[in-house]
C-alpha cells in the first residue's frame, strides 16, 4: 500500500477541481479528530456542510456548491476520511468516529453549527452526527439513505433490500473489492453510478472524474471500510451499542430526499425514518430519479434544498 503521506497518493489533478464553467472554489485542508480533511468552499453566510457518498468525493456537490453560494450560504463540501484529498488513515472508519470527523470540521471552520447535507454514506453520517452532537447541527438534510436504525432493519429483514444492497455484502471480502474498483482505471465506478442512476445519469466527464479519484492509492480500500464495519458489527458489541445510541431522536428540522427509481436504497426502506425525528420532518420523493438525485436533476434538488433552508418554519 502506498504511504498516504506521499505526494503520489494525493494527486492534485484528481481532487483540486473547479466547478462546471470554470468557476473557482477555495481548496484547503482543515484538521479535525486527529486527521486532515480536504474541503472545497464557496460563498459567505450560514454554513452548509455537504457530505458525499460512495463511490464519489466532494465534487459530487459541484452544482449545489454554486447554488448555495448564490443563495447566500457558506457552502463547504468535505472529502470523508480516506477519500479524495483527505487523510487515508489505517483505522477510524466506524460511523461514530466518522461523525466526529464531520462535527470536528464544523468546529475547525470556526462556526457554532452547520446545516448538514448528506448523500448515501454521507447521509448515514449526517443522521449520526445530528443524533450524537445535536448542538453542532442546525438542520439536517439527507438524500438516498434511511436513518441508521431503519437501514439496519431493512438490510436484515427485507429480502428485496438485502438484494438491492448486494454490493455491501460483497465488500466484506478482503482486498477483492479494492482490486475490482481500481481495475481498468476505475471502470467499475462508472458502471455502478450508471446502473444506480435513473434515466439521466451524470455526464461522461463526471464519470471519468470519479474513476480517477477512486484510483488514488489506498482510496478504494478506505472507501469500502465503513461498509465493512456496518455489516461486521451487526452482531458485535460495538455495533449493538451504536444501534442503541441511535435511538436518541433527532431534534432538528429534517429534510429527507429520495429518488423514486433508486435501485440501491428502496423507497420503502427510506420512508418511515421520520419516526426518529422529534422536530419538523419533510419527506420529498423525486419522481423519475435514481440514487443520485442531486446530480441527476441538480436544479430541482438545489431548489428544494435552498427553499427548505430558507424556510423559517419548515412544516412537519
Protein backbone atom coordinates (compact mmCIF):
# COMPACT_ATOMS: atom_id res chain seq x y z
CA UNK A 1 0.00 0.00 0.00
CA UNK A 2 1.31 3.42 -0.90
CA UNK A 3 2.13 5.66 2.03
CA UNK A 4 -0.78 8.16 2.14
CA UNK A 5 1.64 10.88 3.20
CA UNK A 6 3.49 10.78 -0.10
CA UNK A 7 2.57 13.29 -2.83
CA UNK A 8 1.82 10.48 -5.27
CA UNK A 9 -1.01 9.31 -3.03
CA UNK A 10 -2.86 12.62 -3.39
CA UNK A 11 -2.59 13.82 -6.99
CA UNK A 12 -3.95 17.34 -7.11
CA UNK A 13 -5.27 16.85 -10.62
CA UNK A 14 -7.83 14.31 -9.36
CA UNK A 15 -9.17 16.38 -6.46
CA UNK A 16 -8.43 20.11 -6.78
CA UNK A 17 -11.03 20.82 -9.43
CA UNK A 18 -13.02 23.87 -10.48
CA UNK A 19 -16.79 23.87 -10.80
CA UNK A 20 -18.53 23.50 -14.19
CA UNK A 21 -17.97 26.57 -16.30
CA UNK A 22 -14.60 27.20 -14.69
CA UNK A 23 -15.98 28.80 -11.52
CA UNK A 24 -13.33 28.73 -8.84
CA UNK A 25 -13.74 27.25 -5.38
CA UNK A 26 -11.37 27.61 -2.45
CA UNK A 27 -9.48 24.39 -1.71
CA UNK A 28 -7.77 23.89 1.63
CA UNK A 29 -7.15 21.39 4.40
CA UNK A 30 -8.52 21.54 7.94
CA UNK A 31 -7.54 19.49 10.98
CA UNK A 32 -10.22 17.62 12.91
CA UNK A 33 -10.46 14.50 15.08
CA UNK A 34 -6.79 13.60 14.64
CA UNK A 35 -6.73 13.77 10.84
CA UNK A 36 -6.55 16.23 7.95
CA UNK A 37 -9.57 16.83 5.73
CA UNK A 38 -9.75 18.43 2.32
CA UNK A 39 -12.60 20.88 1.77
CA UNK A 40 -13.93 22.86 -1.18
CA UNK A 41 -15.57 26.14 -0.18
CA UNK A 42 -17.65 28.81 -1.89
CA UNK A 43 -19.76 31.71 -0.63
CA UNK A 44 -20.41 33.54 2.62
CA UNK A 45 -23.21 33.21 5.15
CA UNK A 46 -24.59 30.43 7.36
CA UNK A 47 -22.55 27.25 7.00
CA UNK A 48 -23.91 24.36 4.95
CA UNK A 49 -21.63 21.30 5.13
CA UNK A 50 -22.03 18.76 2.33
CA UNK A 51 -21.12 15.08 2.82
CA UNK A 52 -20.64 12.82 -0.20
CA UNK A 53 -21.43 9.14 -0.57
CA UNK A 54 -19.95 6.11 -2.36
CA UNK A 55 -18.27 5.90 -4.85
CA UNK A 56 -17.69 9.65 -5.00
CA UNK A 57 -15.91 12.55 -3.31
CA UNK A 58 -16.57 16.27 -2.71
CA UNK A 59 -17.08 17.01 -6.41
CA UNK A 60 -20.49 15.29 -6.38
CA UNK A 61 -21.79 18.56 -4.84
CA UNK A 62 -20.43 20.81 -7.61
CA UNK A 63 -23.89 22.02 -8.62
CA UNK A 64 -25.08 22.59 -5.05
CA UNK A 65 -21.94 24.49 -4.06
CA UNK A 66 -22.67 27.13 -6.67
CA UNK A 67 -26.41 27.24 -5.99
CA UNK A 68 -25.96 27.53 -2.22
CA UNK A 69 -23.31 30.22 -2.53
CA UNK A 70 -25.54 32.22 -4.86
CA UNK A 71 -28.37 31.86 -2.35
CA UNK A 72 -26.32 33.44 0.45
CA UNK A 73 -24.78 30.44 2.20
CA UNK A 74 -21.22 29.42 3.04
CA UNK A 75 -21.16 26.12 1.16
CA UNK A 76 -18.43 23.64 2.11
CA UNK A 77 -18.04 20.14 0.66
CA UNK A 78 -15.60 17.89 2.51
CA UNK A 79 -13.88 14.69 1.49
CA UNK A 80 -14.65 11.99 4.03
CA UNK A 81 -11.80 10.22 5.81
CA UNK A 82 -9.73 8.19 3.36
CA UNK A 83 -11.32 9.63 0.21
CA UNK A 84 -10.32 12.35 -2.25
CA UNK A 85 -7.78 14.70 -0.70
CA UNK A 86 -8.35 13.74 2.94
CA UNK A 87 -6.03 11.61 5.06
CA UNK A 88 -6.12 7.87 4.46
CA UNK A 89 -5.69 6.61 8.00
CA UNK A 90 -5.30 2.92 8.89
CA UNK A 91 -8.37 2.95 11.16
CA UNK A 92 -11.28 5.10 12.28
CA UNK A 93 -13.98 4.12 9.76
CA UNK A 94 -16.81 3.31 12.15
CA UNK A 95 -19.76 5.75 11.89
CA UNK A 96 -19.34 7.21 15.37
CA UNK A 97 -15.77 8.26 14.60
CA UNK A 98 -16.63 9.43 11.08
CA UNK A 99 -19.39 11.58 12.57
CA UNK A 100 -16.80 13.11 14.90
CA UNK A 101 -14.79 13.95 11.77
CA UNK A 102 -17.79 15.89 10.50
CA UNK A 103 -18.50 17.78 13.70
CA UNK A 104 -14.77 18.41 14.13
CA UNK A 105 -14.65 20.06 10.71
CA UNK A 106 -17.55 22.32 11.73
CA UNK A 107 -15.52 23.48 14.73
CA UNK A 108 -12.35 23.86 12.66
CA UNK A 109 -14.24 26.14 10.29
CA UNK A 110 -14.91 28.44 13.23
CA UNK A 111 -18.68 28.00 13.13
CA UNK A 112 -21.02 27.32 16.07
CA UNK A 113 -23.12 24.94 13.97
CA UNK A 114 -23.98 23.89 10.43
CA UNK A 115 -26.79 22.64 8.28
CA UNK A 116 -25.66 19.12 7.33
CA UNK A 117 -26.49 17.77 3.88
CA UNK A 118 -25.53 14.14 3.29
CA UNK A 119 -25.97 11.66 0.45
CA UNK A 120 -25.67 7.86 0.73
CA UNK A 121 -22.90 7.15 3.28
CA UNK A 122 -22.67 10.89 3.91
CA UNK A 123 -26.36 10.78 4.79
CA UNK A 124 -25.76 7.94 7.24
CA UNK A 125 -23.08 10.05 8.93
CA UNK A 126 -25.31 13.14 8.91
CA UNK A 127 -28.04 11.21 10.74
CA UNK A 128 -25.40 10.03 13.22
CA UNK A 129 -23.90 13.47 13.82
CA UNK A 130 -27.34 15.04 14.35
CA UNK A 131 -28.18 12.44 16.99
CA UNK A 132 -24.81 12.43 18.77
CA UNK A 133 -23.80 16.12 18.55
CA UNK A 134 -27.13 17.97 18.26
CA UNK A 135 -25.72 21.34 19.36
CA UNK A 136 -23.48 21.44 16.27
CA UNK A 137 -26.21 20.61 13.76
CA UNK A 138 -28.64 23.42 12.92
CA UNK A 139 -30.61 21.50 10.30
CA UNK A 140 -30.35 18.10 8.64
CA UNK A 141 -30.93 17.13 5.00
CA UNK A 142 -30.40 13.54 3.88
CA UNK A 143 -30.62 12.05 0.38
CA UNK A 144 -30.85 8.37 -0.57
CA UNK A 145 -30.27 7.00 2.92
CA UNK A 146 -32.65 6.00 5.73
CA UNK A 147 -31.97 6.55 9.40
CA UNK A 148 -29.25 4.08 10.56
CA UNK A 149 -31.76 2.06 12.57
CA UNK A 150 -34.06 1.82 9.56
CA UNK A 151 -31.06 0.84 7.40
CA UNK A 152 -30.13 -1.95 9.81
CA UNK A 153 -33.67 -3.27 10.00
CA UNK A 154 -34.18 -3.20 6.22
CA UNK A 155 -30.88 -4.93 5.46
CA UNK A 156 -31.64 -7.73 7.91
CA UNK A 157 -35.40 -8.20 7.46
CA UNK A 158 -36.29 -7.10 3.94
CA UNK A 159 -35.18 -9.62 1.34
CA UNK A 160 -35.62 -7.12 -1.50
CA UNK A 161 -33.46 -4.54 0.29
CA UNK A 162 -30.84 -7.18 1.04
CA UNK A 163 -30.64 -7.90 -2.69
CA UNK A 164 -30.61 -4.21 -3.59
CA UNK A 165 -27.64 -3.71 -1.25
CA UNK A 166 -25.74 -6.73 -2.56
CA UNK A 167 -22.64 -4.61 -3.19
CA UNK A 168 -22.37 -4.01 0.56
CA UNK A 169 -22.28 -7.72 1.26
CA UNK A 170 -19.67 -8.08 -1.49
CA UNK A 171 -17.49 -5.50 0.24
CA UNK A 172 -16.94 -7.92 3.12
CA UNK A 173 -14.36 -9.89 1.13
CA UNK A 174 -10.76 -8.87 1.81
CA UNK A 175 -8.98 -6.90 -0.95
CA UNK A 176 -11.11 -8.20 -3.83
CA UNK A 177 -13.45 -5.15 -3.82
CA UNK A 178 -10.47 -2.79 -3.87
CA UNK A 179 -8.99 -4.55 -6.88
CA UNK A 180 -12.34 -4.53 -8.68
CA UNK A 181 -12.88 -0.82 -8.05
CA UNK A 182 -9.47 0.17 -9.41
CA UNK A 183 -9.24 -2.30 -12.32
CA UNK A 184 -9.26 -0.79 -15.82
CA UNK A 185 -8.73 2.71 -14.41
CA UNK A 186 -11.80 2.53 -12.21
CA UNK A 187 -14.23 1.28 -14.86
CA UNK A 188 -16.47 -0.31 -12.22
CA UNK A 189 -17.03 3.08 -10.58
CA UNK A 190 -18.60 4.44 -13.77
CA UNK A 191 -20.68 1.28 -14.18
CA UNK A 192 -22.06 1.49 -10.64
CA UNK A 193 -23.03 5.15 -10.98
CA UNK A 194 -24.74 4.50 -14.31
CA UNK A 195 -26.55 1.40 -13.00
CA UNK A 196 -27.73 3.20 -9.86
CA UNK A 197 -28.94 6.32 -11.67
CA UNK A 198 -32.32 6.91 -13.28
CA UNK A 199 -32.71 7.79 -16.97
CA UNK A 200 -30.49 10.89 -16.53
CA UNK A 201 -27.14 9.67 -15.18
CA UNK A 202 -24.21 12.05 -14.61
CA UNK A 203 -22.34 13.08 -17.74
CA UNK A 204 -19.37 11.08 -19.05
CA UNK A 205 -16.93 13.75 -17.85
CA UNK A 206 -18.19 13.32 -14.30
CA UNK A 207 -17.82 9.55 -14.50
CA UNK A 208 -14.21 9.96 -15.62
CA UNK A 209 -13.58 12.27 -12.66
CA UNK A 210 -14.91 9.70 -10.20
CA UNK A 211 -12.84 6.97 -11.81
CA UNK A 212 -9.64 8.97 -11.39
CA UNK A 213 -10.38 9.77 -7.75
CA UNK A 214 -11.04 6.13 -6.87
CA UNK A 215 -7.66 5.19 -8.34
CA UNK A 216 -5.76 7.39 -5.89
CA UNK A 217 -3.64 4.84 -3.96
CA UNK A 218 -5.48 3.42 -0.92
CA UNK A 219 -8.68 5.38 -1.66
CA UNK A 220 -10.65 2.31 -2.73
CA UNK A 221 -9.71 0.49 0.49
CA UNK A 222 -10.77 3.43 2.64
CA UNK A 223 -14.00 3.88 0.67
CA UNK A 224 -15.26 0.38 1.48
CA UNK A 225 -14.07 0.20 5.09
CA UNK A 226 -17.17 1.96 6.53
CA UNK A 227 -19.41 -0.63 4.88
CA UNK A 228 -17.31 -3.44 6.28
CA UNK A 229 -17.86 -2.06 9.76
CA UNK A 230 -21.59 -1.60 9.17
CA UNK A 231 -22.04 -5.30 8.32
CA UNK A 232 -19.42 -6.96 10.51
CA UNK A 233 -20.56 -5.06 13.59
CA UNK A 234 -24.22 -6.12 13.28
CA UNK A 235 -23.77 -8.82 15.94
CA UNK A 236 -20.77 -7.32 17.74
CA UNK A 237 -20.97 -5.32 20.97
CA UNK A 238 -19.76 -2.11 19.28
CA UNK A 239 -22.42 -2.36 16.59
CA UNK A 240 -25.18 -3.17 19.06
CA UNK A 241 -24.08 -0.26 21.23
CA UNK A 242 -24.11 2.09 18.23
CA UNK A 243 -27.60 0.94 17.29
CA UNK A 244 -28.79 1.67 20.83
CA UNK A 245 -27.18 5.12 20.78
CA UNK A 246 -29.06 5.89 17.59
CA UNK A 247 -32.36 5.52 19.46
CA UNK A 248 -31.69 9.08 20.56
CA UNK A 249 -34.10 11.15 18.46
CA UNK A 250 -33.02 13.84 16.03
CA UNK A 251 -34.28 17.17 17.36
CA UNK A 252 -33.52 19.50 14.44
CA UNK A 253 -35.65 20.22 11.35
CA UNK A 254 -35.04 17.43 8.84
CA UNK A 255 -35.47 17.21 5.07
CA UNK A 256 -35.45 13.69 3.63
CA UNK A 257 -34.90 13.43 -0.14
CA UNK A 258 -35.20 10.29 -2.24
CA UNK A 259 -35.39 9.22 -5.88
CA UNK A 260 -38.38 7.07 -6.77
CA UNK A 261 -36.23 4.87 -9.04
CA UNK A 262 -33.38 4.34 -6.56
CA UNK A 263 -32.30 0.70 -7.07
CA UNK A 264 -29.82 0.70 -4.17
CA UNK A 265 -31.96 2.00 -1.33
CA UNK A 266 -35.63 1.17 -1.78
CA UNK A 267 -38.19 3.89 -1.11
CA UNK A 268 -39.87 1.56 1.36
CA UNK A 269 -36.61 1.28 3.30
CA UNK A 270 -36.04 5.02 3.48
CA UNK A 271 -39.63 6.07 4.19
CA UNK A 272 -40.53 5.99 7.85
CA UNK A 273 -37.27 7.47 9.09
CA UNK A 274 -39.33 10.33 10.45
CA UNK A 275 -40.18 8.20 13.48
CA UNK A 276 -36.67 9.03 14.76
CA UNK A 277 -37.16 12.79 14.33
CA UNK A 278 -38.75 14.85 17.10
CA UNK A 279 -38.79 18.05 15.02
CA UNK A 280 -40.35 19.21 11.74
CA UNK A 281 -39.73 16.45 9.18
CA UNK A 282 -40.31 16.81 5.44
CA UNK A 283 -40.24 13.88 3.01
CA UNK A 284 -39.63 14.67 -0.67
CA UNK A 285 -39.77 11.96 -3.34
CA UNK A 286 -38.33 12.88 -6.75
CA UNK A 287 -40.20 11.03 -9.50
CA UNK A 288 -38.03 9.51 -12.20
CA UNK A 289 -34.72 9.92 -10.38
CA UNK A 290 -32.37 7.25 -9.06
CA UNK A 291 -29.74 7.08 -6.35
CA UNK A 292 -28.07 10.40 -7.21
CA UNK A 293 -30.91 12.98 -7.32
CA UNK A 294 -28.52 15.88 -6.65
CA UNK A 295 -26.66 15.07 -9.88
CA UNK A 296 -29.48 13.67 -12.00
CA UNK A 297 -31.62 16.81 -11.58
CA UNK A 298 -29.43 19.37 -9.80
CA UNK A 299 -31.82 22.28 -10.38
CA UNK A 300 -34.80 20.55 -8.76
CA UNK A 301 -32.68 19.19 -5.92
CA UNK A 302 -30.97 22.52 -5.19
CA UNK A 303 -34.25 24.41 -5.32
CA UNK A 304 -35.88 22.03 -2.85
CA UNK A 305 -32.90 22.22 -0.51
CA UNK A 306 -32.48 26.00 -0.61
CA UNK A 307 -36.20 26.72 -0.19
CA UNK A 308 -36.23 24.46 2.86
CA UNK A 309 -33.06 26.01 4.32
CA UNK A 310 -34.60 29.46 3.99
CA UNK A 311 -37.97 28.45 5.43
CA UNK A 312 -38.06 29.81 8.99
CA UNK A 313 -40.75 27.31 10.00
CA UNK A 314 -40.37 24.08 7.98
CA UNK A 315 -43.51 22.02 8.18
CA UNK A 316 -43.78 18.53 9.53
